[in-house]
Amino acid sequence: MSTLYQNPPVKIGSYILGKTLGVGSFGKVKLAEHEQTGKKVAVKILNRQKIKSLGMSEKVQREIKILKLFNHPHVVRLYEVIDTPTDIFVVTEYISGGELFDFIVERGRLSEDEARKFFQQIISGVEYCHRHMVVHRDLKPENLLLDSNMHVKIADFGLSNIMRDGQFLKTSCGSPNYAAPEVISGKLYAGPEVDIWSCGVIVYALLCGSLPFDDENIPNLFKKIRGGIYILPSYLSEQSRDIISRMLVTDPIRRITIEEIRKHPWFVTKLPRYIALGPQSIVHQLLSIDERVLKLVEERTGYPREKVIRSLKKGKRNCYAVAYQLLKDSMVKMDISEEMEAAISETSLLAMQMETKQEDIFYRQLYRRADTNHFSLGIHMKESSALDTLIKVYRVLSGNQWKWRNFGQYRINVVIWKQVSLVKMSIQIYKDVDGYLVDIRKRSGNVLSFLESCDVLLTQLAGWS
């Protein structure tokens, strides 16, 4: 058992509680491990008395009610709620990568490809919420979390509300810098359009590293928001400038809709397949019972598949369904990572394919003119999945006793001691047309030592293929 967990362990239900991840005004958030599957989760421990004394009962119940509705790869997942006389234990997905806000602060403005990737995921999640008649109303980088694969997860639905036909919302809420003009003015609004405005502020922050509307003086800030007064930097592309300007329209009636965003040239560039197919496709994929996952549940927990299937079909949140969902979510994350990598690297892969017209050429060798010491090499692996490719890479690294560390789902940084010299290289796996491309790049060290190491790696990988 990990040192993160106490000895003797503290348990609630099927979960072994570990270190405290955060402390709020009415409870703690703890890291926990699901005993049967070994998967990590986050457990919010909400003290009933504190919730009641702070008048937050409605907010807490609203968030739980909304999260129970959702099953989407870019919305934080609720697995189960455990009630006790003194506390409410809310078991959710463990998101290890921190807030998008911190990522922007650390990195500054992002490239258009990086910003677009996050934006596509955010819009996919927001669209799903709206399809379920839920408007978030407090979208901001602090409420957008990043998982270990750098995928966005929409969180904090405490200010959300459920939309009903013919009903307009009139609650001024959310963060002023991200709030739409109609919200800060106290006007009636339907809901979806205020989330679109907030998404416009977020994509501006991603691309520019700053906020479009910012002022220490709140009246001045509100004046800028109501007037739609902001500056679009000249370094932005024409398409990104266009989509931002269409989202930050002060008149909610004229503001771009999600349906229109989905057709915008900037949004559809390098769009992953699962997002392109829309929310219904995602829902079908997540709700369909996966035989691979059922087999995993049987192997790891011993739960009979019939009971698991029955629980899933009846929409229960018992031990069988939770074990299945925890294991399935891991597979879904991997599938999404593959599609993201495929979409982002599509252009470069096409270029490589054009350069390598003879299919019998096994090694792909690229030389970068900008740095004569910078080499990239690669090998094409005809595997059925990225995981199979990764396993073969790990076998070679382990067999040669090389040190490595994972950076993201499909990137590995490797350190190799060559007598008195040290070689550092990175290995990246990309989705290719009929398999996977293992791309190897020198980070530092002697070029000859790097090439010798690559020869070992590529020869041994060739032997596995």
Protein backbone atom coordinates (compact mmCIF):
# COMPACT_ATOMS: atom_id res chain seq x y z
CA MET A 1 0.00 0.00 0.00
CA SER A 2 1.25 3.51 -0.84
CA THR A 3 2.72 5.71 1.91
CA LEU A 4 -0.03 8.19 1.03
CA TYR A 5 -2.39 6.03 3.08
CA GLN A 6 -2.41 5.73 6.85
CA ASN A 7 -1.50 2.58 8.76
CA PRO A 8 -3.92 1.28 9.90
CA PRO A 9 -5.94 2.61 6.92
CA VAL A 10 -9.01 4.81 7.39
CA LYS A 11 -11.87 3.57 5.23
CA ILE A 12 -15.22 4.88 4.11
CA GLY A 13 -17.21 2.40 2.06
CA SER A 14 -14.86 0.82 -0.49
CA TYR A 15 -12.34 3.66 -0.27
CA ILE A 16 -9.07 3.89 1.68
CA LEU A 17 -8.60 7.54 2.61
CA GLY A 18 -5.19 9.15 2.12
CA LYS A 19 -3.62 12.59 2.26
CA THR A 20 -5.63 15.81 2.35
CA LEU A 21 -5.69 17.53 -1.06
CA GLY A 22 -7.48 20.67 0.10
CA VAL A 23 -9.49 22.26 2.89
CA GLY A 24 -12.67 24.26 2.31
CA SER A 25 -15.03 26.22 4.54
CA PHE A 26 -17.19 23.17 5.28
CA GLY A 27 -14.97 20.17 4.77
CA LYS A 28 -11.86 18.53 3.33
CA VAL A 29 -10.98 16.89 0.05
CA LYS A 30 -8.91 13.73 0.44
CA LEU A 31 -7.10 11.49 -1.99
CA ALA A 32 -8.43 7.95 -1.73
CA GLU A 33 -7.96 4.56 -3.34
CA HIS A 34 -10.79 2.32 -4.47
CA GLU A 35 -9.98 -0.92 -2.70
CA GLN A 36 -11.19 -3.35 -5.37
CA THR A 37 -9.69 -1.69 -8.48
CA GLY A 38 -6.76 0.27 -7.01
CA LYS A 39 -7.92 3.42 -8.85
CA LYS A 40 -7.40 6.82 -7.21
CA VAL A 41 -10.40 9.06 -6.50
CA ALA A 42 -11.05 12.35 -4.70
CA VAL A 43 -13.40 12.28 -1.70
CA LYS A 44 -15.07 15.51 -0.59
CA ILE A 45 -15.94 15.22 3.10
CA LEU A 46 -18.76 17.69 3.72
CA ASN A 47 -19.75 18.30 7.33
CA ARG A 48 -23.54 18.51 7.58
CA GLN A 49 -23.51 20.95 10.50
CA LYS A 50 -21.11 23.38 8.81
CA ILE A 51 -23.07 23.25 5.55
CA LYS A 52 -26.27 24.08 7.40
CA SER A 53 -24.74 26.89 9.49
CA LEU A 54 -23.27 28.54 6.37
CA GLY A 55 -26.56 28.22 4.46
CA MET A 56 -24.87 26.14 1.76
CA SER A 57 -27.18 23.11 1.82
CA GLU A 58 -28.92 24.12 -1.41
CA LYS A 59 -25.60 24.77 -3.21
CA VAL A 60 -24.19 21.37 -2.19
CA GLN A 61 -27.36 19.48 -3.12
CA ARG A 62 -27.50 21.31 -6.45
CA GLU A 63 -23.94 20.32 -7.37
CA ILE A 64 -24.54 16.68 -6.41
CA LYS A 65 -27.81 16.60 -8.35
CA ILE A 66 -26.15 18.02 -11.47
CA LEU A 67 -23.07 15.80 -11.33
CA LYS A 68 -25.30 12.73 -11.05
CA LEU A 69 -26.73 13.66 -14.46
CA PHE A 70 -23.36 13.79 -16.19
CA ASN A 71 -21.14 11.24 -17.93
CA HIS A 72 -18.72 13.09 -20.20
CA PRO A 73 -14.91 12.93 -20.62
CA HIS A 74 -14.54 16.70 -20.05
CA VAL A 75 -16.80 17.03 -17.02
CA VAL A 76 -15.64 15.92 -13.55
CA ARG A 77 -17.16 12.52 -12.86
CA LEU A 78 -19.23 11.70 -9.76
CA TYR A 79 -18.91 8.02 -8.81
CA GLU A 80 -21.04 7.83 -5.68
CA VAL A 81 -22.31 9.68 -2.62
CA ILE A 82 -22.02 8.09 0.83
CA ASP A 83 -24.28 9.56 3.52
CA THR A 84 -23.58 9.35 7.24
CA PRO A 85 -25.34 11.16 10.12
CA THR A 86 -22.50 13.69 10.42
CA ASP A 87 -20.98 13.93 6.92
CA ILE A 88 -21.62 13.58 3.20
CA PHE A 89 -18.82 11.81 1.32
CA VAL A 90 -18.84 12.80 -2.37
CA VAL A 91 -16.60 10.47 -4.40
CA THR A 92 -15.41 12.03 -7.65
CA GLU A 93 -12.75 11.62 -10.29
CA TYR A 94 -9.25 12.48 -9.04
CA ILE A 95 -7.86 15.28 -11.21
CA SER A 96 -4.10 15.46 -10.62
CA GLY A 97 -2.97 18.22 -13.01
CA GLY A 98 -4.25 21.28 -11.15
CA GLU A 99 -6.19 24.27 -12.50
CA LEU A 100 -6.01 25.59 -16.04
CA PHE A 101 -5.51 28.99 -14.36
CA ASP A 102 -2.16 27.89 -12.86
CA PHE A 103 -1.13 26.41 -16.20
CA ILE A 104 -1.75 29.77 -17.94
CA VAL A 105 0.09 31.69 -15.20
CA GLU A 106 3.09 29.36 -15.50
CA ARG A 107 3.18 29.18 -19.30
CA GLY A 108 1.89 32.58 -20.34
CA ARG A 109 0.15 32.71 -23.69
CA LEU A 110 -0.13 29.39 -25.51
CA SER A 111 0.38 28.51 -29.14
CA GLU A 112 -2.80 28.43 -31.22
CA ASP A 113 -2.65 24.61 -31.43
CA GLU A 114 -2.35 24.27 -27.62
CA ALA A 115 -5.08 26.83 -26.95
CA ARG A 116 -7.37 25.27 -29.56
CA LYS A 117 -6.99 21.81 -28.01
CA PHE A 118 -8.17 23.11 -24.62
CA PHE A 119 -10.92 25.20 -26.22
CA GLN A 120 -12.27 22.23 -28.21
CA GLN A 121 -12.48 20.18 -25.01
CA ILE A 122 -14.16 23.01 -23.07
CA ILE A 123 -16.77 23.55 -25.79
CA SER A 124 -17.42 19.80 -25.97
CA GLY A 125 -18.10 19.73 -22.21
CA VAL A 126 -20.18 22.92 -22.20
CA GLU A 127 -22.26 21.67 -25.13
CA TYR A 128 -22.95 18.47 -23.21
CA CYS A 129 -24.08 20.49 -20.15
CA HIS A 130 -26.41 22.59 -22.30
CA ARG A 131 -27.86 19.46 -23.93
CA HIS A 132 -28.75 18.38 -20.38
CA MET A 133 -30.39 21.78 -19.78
CA VAL A 134 -27.66 22.85 -17.36
CA VAL A 135 -25.88 26.19 -17.63
CA HIS A 136 -22.66 26.49 -15.61
CA ARG A 137 -22.66 30.30 -15.06
CA ASP A 138 -19.17 30.39 -13.51
CA LEU A 139 -16.83 29.16 -16.22
CA LYS A 140 -13.27 30.37 -15.60
CA PRO A 141 -9.79 28.79 -15.67
CA GLU A 142 -9.96 28.21 -11.90
CA ASN A 143 -12.96 25.89 -12.45
CA LEU A 144 -11.32 24.04 -15.35
CA LEU A 145 -9.07 21.28 -14.07
CA LEU A 146 -6.39 19.33 -15.94
CA ASP A 147 -5.94 15.58 -15.58
CA SER A 148 -2.66 13.68 -15.87
CA ASN A 149 -3.04 13.67 -19.68
CA MET A 150 -3.59 17.45 -19.79
CA HIS A 151 -7.26 17.05 -20.65
CA VAL A 152 -9.77 19.62 -19.40
CA LYS A 153 -12.39 18.69 -16.80
CA ILE A 154 -15.17 21.18 -16.05
CA ALA A 155 -15.74 21.41 -12.28
CA ASP A 156 -17.59 23.38 -9.60
CA PHE A 157 -21.27 23.33 -10.54
CA GLY A 158 -22.30 25.09 -7.32
CA LEU A 159 -23.59 28.12 -9.23
CA SER A 160 -25.18 26.11 -12.02
CA ASN A 161 -28.86 26.05 -12.66
CA ILE A 162 -31.18 23.79 -14.60
CA MET A 163 -32.87 25.50 -17.53
CA ARG A 164 -36.56 25.05 -18.16
CA ASP A 165 -38.46 25.97 -21.30
CA GLY A 166 -39.67 29.56 -21.18
CA GLN A 167 -37.80 30.31 -17.95
CA PHE A 168 -35.18 33.04 -17.84
CA LEU A 169 -32.53 33.23 -15.14
CA LYS A 170 -31.97 36.46 -13.21
CA THR A 171 -29.23 35.65 -10.72
CA SER A 172 -26.11 37.79 -10.90
CA CYS A 173 -23.33 35.32 -10.17
CA GLY A 174 -19.92 34.16 -11.22
CA SER A 175 -16.58 35.99 -11.43
CA PRO A 176 -16.82 39.60 -12.71
CA ASN A 177 -13.92 39.27 -15.21
CA TYR A 178 -15.63 36.34 -16.95
CA ALA A 179 -19.25 37.46 -16.54
CA ALA A 180 -21.33 38.48 -19.56
CA PRO A 181 -22.71 42.05 -19.82
CA GLU A 182 -26.30 40.89 -19.28
CA VAL A 183 -25.28 39.13 -16.05
CA ILE A 184 -23.55 42.10 -14.40
CA SER A 185 -26.41 44.35 -15.53
CA GLY A 186 -28.99 42.15 -13.80
CA LYS A 187 -30.96 41.56 -16.99
CA LEU A 188 -32.93 38.42 -17.78
CA TYR A 189 -30.99 35.76 -19.64
CA ALA A 190 -31.69 32.21 -20.85
CA GLY A 191 -28.37 30.73 -19.84
CA PRO A 192 -26.37 29.18 -22.69
CA GLU A 193 -25.24 32.53 -24.06
CA VAL A 194 -23.56 33.54 -20.77
CA ASP A 195 -21.40 30.41 -20.88
CA ILE A 196 -20.42 31.31 -24.46
CA TRP A 197 -19.23 34.74 -23.31
CA SER A 198 -17.16 33.14 -20.52
CA CYS A 199 -15.64 30.71 -23.04
CA GLY A 200 -14.68 33.71 -25.17
CA VAL A 201 -12.84 35.27 -22.21
CA ILE A 202 -11.13 31.93 -21.52
CA VAL A 203 -9.90 31.40 -25.09
CA TYR A 204 -8.62 35.01 -25.08
CA ALA A 205 -6.70 34.24 -21.86
CA LEU A 206 -5.27 31.05 -23.41
CA LEU A 207 -4.07 32.86 -26.54
CA CYS A 208 -2.94 36.12 -24.93
CA GLY A 209 -1.92 35.17 -21.38
CA SER A 210 -4.06 38.03 -20.05
CA LEU A 211 -7.74 38.92 -19.66
CA PRO A 212 -9.69 40.99 -22.21
CA PHE A 213 -11.55 42.83 -19.43
CA ASP A 214 -9.50 43.76 -16.38
CA ASP A 215 -9.48 46.71 -14.02
CA GLU A 216 -8.85 47.10 -10.28
CA ASN A 217 -11.79 49.50 -10.16
CA ILE A 218 -14.98 47.38 -10.36
CA PRO A 219 -17.18 50.16 -11.89
CA ASN A 220 -14.52 50.64 -14.61
CA LEU A 221 -14.38 46.88 -15.16
CA PHE A 222 -18.16 46.70 -15.54
CA LYS A 223 -18.07 49.65 -17.96
CA LYS A 224 -15.54 47.82 -20.17
CA ILE A 225 -17.59 44.59 -20.11
CA ARG A 226 -20.89 46.35 -20.91
CA GLY A 227 -19.24 48.23 -23.77
CA GLY A 228 -17.31 45.21 -25.04
CA ILE A 229 -14.12 47.30 -24.82
CA TYR A 230 -11.01 45.14 -25.28
CA ILE A 231 -7.93 44.88 -27.52
CA LEU A 232 -7.14 42.01 -29.89
CA PRO A 233 -3.32 41.71 -30.16
CA SER A 234 -1.87 41.80 -33.67
CA TYR A 235 -0.06 38.47 -33.22
CA LEU A 236 -3.35 36.54 -33.21
CA SER A 237 -4.32 34.79 -36.43
CA GLU A 238 -7.25 36.12 -38.43
CA GLN A 239 -9.41 33.10 -37.60
CA SER A 240 -8.74 33.25 -33.85
CA ARG A 241 -9.50 37.00 -33.84
CA ASP A 242 -12.77 36.29 -35.63
CA ILE A 243 -14.00 33.60 -33.24
CA ILE A 244 -13.12 35.69 -30.16
CA SER A 245 -14.87 38.77 -31.54
CA ARG A 246 -17.99 36.72 -32.30
CA MET A 247 -18.07 35.26 -28.78
CA LEU A 248 -17.51 38.58 -27.00
CA VAL A 249 -20.57 40.27 -28.52
CA THR A 250 -22.40 42.34 -25.89
CA ASP A 251 -25.83 41.60 -27.36
CA PRO A 252 -26.62 37.98 -26.30
CA ILE A 253 -29.04 37.59 -29.23
CA ARG A 254 -26.24 38.27 -31.73
CA ARG A 255 -23.60 36.25 -29.88
CA ILE A 256 -22.30 33.13 -31.65
CA THR A 257 -23.91 29.84 -30.59
CA ILE A 258 -22.17 26.53 -29.88
CA GLU A 259 -23.61 25.15 -33.10
CA GLU A 260 -21.95 28.02 -34.99
CA ILE A 261 -18.68 27.62 -33.04
CA ARG A 262 -18.60 23.98 -34.14
CA LYS A 263 -18.59 25.11 -37.79
CA HIS A 264 -16.00 27.86 -37.36
CA PRO A 265 -12.74 27.28 -39.33
CA TRP A 266 -10.54 27.90 -36.26
CA PHE A 267 -12.47 25.37 -34.14
CA VAL A 268 -12.57 22.57 -36.75
CA THR A 269 -8.80 22.72 -37.39
CA LYS A 270 -7.16 19.55 -36.00
CA LEU A 271 -10.44 18.54 -34.40
CA PRO A 272 -10.34 15.10 -32.72
CA ARG A 273 -12.84 12.61 -34.08
CA TYR A 274 -14.77 12.10 -30.82
CA ILE A 275 -15.46 15.85 -30.56
CA ALA A 276 -16.28 16.17 -34.25
CA LEU A 277 -18.95 13.45 -33.94
CA GLY A 278 -20.73 15.43 -31.21
CA PRO A 279 -22.14 14.75 -27.74
CA GLN A 280 -24.50 11.99 -28.82
CA SER A 281 -21.57 9.91 -30.07
CA ILE A 282 -19.71 10.46 -26.78
CA VAL A 283 -22.78 9.50 -24.75
CA HIS A 284 -23.27 6.33 -26.81
CA GLN A 285 -19.62 5.37 -26.35
CA LEU A 286 -19.74 5.95 -22.58
CA LEU A 287 -23.10 4.28 -22.00
CA SER A 288 -22.45 1.21 -24.13
CA ILE A 289 -21.22 -1.75 -22.08
CA ASP A 290 -17.63 -2.56 -22.98
CA GLU A 291 -16.64 -6.24 -22.94
CA ARG A 292 -12.98 -5.33 -22.29
CA VAL A 293 -13.96 -3.48 -19.13
CA LEU A 294 -16.26 -6.28 -17.94
CA LYS A 295 -13.34 -8.69 -18.25
CA LEU A 296 -11.11 -6.32 -16.27
CA VAL A 297 -13.74 -5.99 -13.53
CA GLU A 298 -13.97 -9.78 -13.25
CA GLU A 299 -10.18 -10.17 -13.12
CA ARG A 300 -9.54 -7.44 -10.55
CA THR A 301 -12.58 -7.69 -8.27
CA GLY A 302 -14.12 -11.10 -8.85
CA TYR A 303 -17.54 -9.46 -9.36
CA PRO A 304 -19.84 -11.59 -11.58
CA ARG A 305 -20.35 -9.96 -14.98
CA GLU A 306 -24.12 -10.56 -14.79
CA LYS A 307 -24.38 -8.42 -11.64
CA VAL A 308 -22.23 -5.70 -13.20
CA ILE A 309 -24.36 -5.61 -16.37
CA ARG A 310 -27.61 -5.59 -14.36
CA SER A 311 -26.39 -2.68 -12.21
CA LEU A 312 -25.34 -0.66 -15.25
CA LYS A 313 -28.61 -1.23 -17.09
CA LYS A 314 -30.63 -0.16 -14.04
CA GLY A 315 -28.48 2.96 -13.56
CA LYS A 316 -27.41 1.97 -10.05
CA ARG A 317 -24.36 3.39 -8.24
CA ASN A 318 -23.46 0.26 -6.27
CA CYS A 319 -20.07 -1.45 -5.90
CA TYR A 320 -20.43 -3.28 -9.24
CA ALA A 321 -21.24 -0.15 -11.27
CA VAL A 322 -18.56 1.98 -9.56
CA ALA A 323 -15.82 -0.61 -10.20
CA TYR A 324 -16.86 -0.77 -13.87
CA GLN A 325 -16.95 3.05 -14.28
CA LEU A 326 -13.56 3.55 -12.63
CA LEU A 327 -11.92 1.05 -14.98
CA LYS A 328 -13.80 2.24 -18.05
CA ASP A 329 -12.82 5.87 -17.42
CA SER A 330 -9.15 4.86 -17.57
CA MET A 331 -9.72 3.30 -21.00
CA VAL A 332 -11.71 6.30 -22.25
CA LYS A 333 -8.87 8.64 -21.21
CA MET A 334 -6.41 6.56 -23.22
CA ASP A 335 -8.70 6.51 -26.28
CA ILE A 336 -9.10 10.31 -26.07
CA SER A 337 -5.33 10.79 -25.76
CA GLU A 338 -4.84 8.75 -28.92
CA GLU A 339 -7.40 10.80 -30.85
CA MET A 340 -5.92 14.08 -29.57
CA GLU A 341 -2.40 13.07 -30.56
CA ALA A 342 -3.67 11.93 -33.95
CA ALA A 343 -5.46 15.23 -34.58
CA ILE A 344 -2.60 17.46 -33.38
CA SER A 345 0.11 15.55 -35.25
CA GLU A 346 -1.97 15.05 -38.39
CA THR A 347 -0.14 17.72 -40.42
CA SER A 348 3.35 16.57 -39.47
CA LEU A 349 2.48 12.93 -40.09
CA LEU A 350 1.13 13.71 -43.54
CA ALA A 351 4.37 15.53 -44.32
CA MET A 352 6.41 12.53 -43.19
CA GLN A 353 4.27 10.20 -45.28
CA MET A 354 4.87 12.35 -48.37
CA GLU A 355 8.63 12.25 -47.74
CA THR A 356 8.57 8.46 -47.30
CA LYS A 357 6.71 7.18 -50.33
CA GLN A 358 8.30 3.73 -50.32
CA GLU A 359 6.38 1.64 -47.79
CA ASP A 360 9.27 -0.74 -47.22
CA ILE A 361 11.39 2.01 -45.62
CA PHE A 362 11.34 0.99 -41.97
CA TYR A 363 13.21 3.83 -40.29
CA ARG A 364 12.22 7.47 -40.66
CA GLN A 365 15.09 9.86 -40.20
CA LEU A 366 14.64 13.63 -40.02
CA TYR A 367 17.29 16.33 -39.77
CA ARG A 368 16.46 19.82 -38.51
CA ARG A 369 18.36 22.61 -40.24
CA ALA A 370 18.05 24.99 -37.26
CA ASP A 371 20.47 22.93 -35.14
CA THR A 372 23.05 20.59 -36.67
CA ASN A 373 23.22 18.68 -33.37
CA HIS A 374 19.46 18.07 -33.26
CA PHE A 375 18.44 14.71 -34.63
CA SER A 376 15.09 12.91 -34.73
CA LEU A 377 14.60 9.28 -35.63
CA GLY A 378 11.62 7.02 -35.57
CA ILE A 379 10.16 3.63 -36.24
CA HIS A 380 6.74 2.58 -37.50
CA MET A 381 5.06 -0.06 -35.31
CA LYS A 382 2.04 -1.93 -36.63
CA GLU A 383 0.36 -2.41 -33.25
CA SER A 384 -3.36 -2.52 -32.49
CA SER A 385 -3.17 0.10 -29.73
CA ALA A 386 -0.92 2.76 -28.25
CA LEU A 387 -0.75 0.73 -25.04
CA ASP A 388 0.74 -2.28 -26.88
CA THR A 389 3.34 0.05 -28.44
CA LEU A 390 4.15 1.57 -25.04
CA ILE A 391 4.60 -1.87 -23.46
CA LYS A 392 7.17 -2.80 -26.11
CA VAL A 393 9.07 0.46 -25.57
CA TYR A 394 9.08 -0.17 -21.80
CA ARG A 395 10.44 -3.68 -22.32
CA VAL A 396 13.39 -2.34 -24.30
CA LEU A 397 14.10 0.44 -21.78
CA SER A 398 13.90 -1.98 -18.87
CA GLY A 399 16.02 -4.64 -20.62
CA ASN A 400 18.80 -2.08 -21.17
CA GLN A 401 18.45 -0.73 -17.61
CA TRP A 402 17.88 2.80 -18.89
CA LYS A 403 16.24 5.33 -16.58
CA TRP A 404 13.00 6.92 -17.75
CA ARG A 405 10.10 9.04 -16.59
CA ASN A 406 6.66 9.53 -18.12
CA PHE A 407 5.57 13.03 -19.17
CA GLY A 408 1.95 12.66 -20.21
CA GLN A 409 0.27 9.54 -21.54
CA TYR A 410 2.47 8.96 -24.58
CA ARG A 411 5.74 10.79 -23.93
CA ILE A 412 8.75 9.34 -22.10
CA ASN A 413 11.98 11.13 -21.18
CA VAL A 414 14.98 8.78 -21.07
CA VAL A 415 18.41 9.17 -19.43
CA ILE A 416 21.27 6.89 -20.56
CA TRP A 417 24.78 6.70 -19.09
CA LYS A 418 27.32 5.90 -21.83
CA GLN A 419 30.58 5.26 -19.94
CA VAL A 420 31.57 8.85 -19.07
CA SER A 421 28.89 10.60 -21.13
CA LEU A 422 25.20 11.23 -20.43
CA VAL A 423 22.53 11.13 -23.15
CA LYS A 424 19.02 12.49 -22.68
CA MET A 425 16.29 11.83 -25.22
CA SER A 426 12.52 11.91 -25.44
CA ILE A 427 10.26 9.27 -26.97
CA GLN A 428 6.84 10.28 -28.28
CA ILE A 429 4.19 7.92 -29.65
CA TYR A 430 1.90 9.20 -32.40
CA LYS A 431 -1.10 7.61 -34.07
CA ASP A 432 -0.29 6.77 -37.68
CA VAL A 433 -2.41 5.55 -40.60
CA ASP A 434 -1.93 1.82 -39.99
CA GLY A 435 -0.25 1.71 -36.59
CA TYR A 436 1.89 3.95 -34.40
CA LEU A 437 5.01 6.05 -34.93
CA VAL A 438 7.64 5.95 -32.17
CA ASP A 439 9.49 9.26 -32.52
CA ILE A 440 12.89 9.64 -30.78
CA ARG A 441 14.54 13.03 -30.24
CA LYS A 442 17.85 14.03 -28.68
CA ARG A 443 17.46 16.43 -25.77
CA SER A 444 21.12 16.69 -24.79
CA GLY A 445 24.41 14.79 -24.91
CA ASN A 446 26.91 13.60 -27.49
CA VAL A 447 25.42 13.02 -30.95
CA LEU A 448 27.35 9.79 -31.56
CA SER A 449 26.27 8.37 -28.18
CA PHE A 450 22.67 9.34 -28.98
CA LEU A 451 22.81 7.57 -32.36
CA GLU A 452 24.32 4.47 -30.76
CA SER A 453 21.49 4.41 -28.19
CA CYS A 454 18.91 4.87 -30.96
CA ASP A 455 20.44 1.96 -32.88
CA VAL A 456 19.94 -0.27 -29.83
CA LEU A 457 16.40 0.96 -29.23
CA LEU A 458 15.24 0.78 -32.85
CA THR A 459 16.85 -2.63 -33.50
CA GLN A 460 15.20 -4.13 -30.44
CA LEU A 461 11.84 -2.55 -31.24
CA ALA A 462 12.12 -3.93 -34.78
CA GLY A 463 12.61 -7.35 -33.24
CA TRP A 464 9.35 -6.98 -31.29
CA SER A 465 7.29 -5.85 -34.29
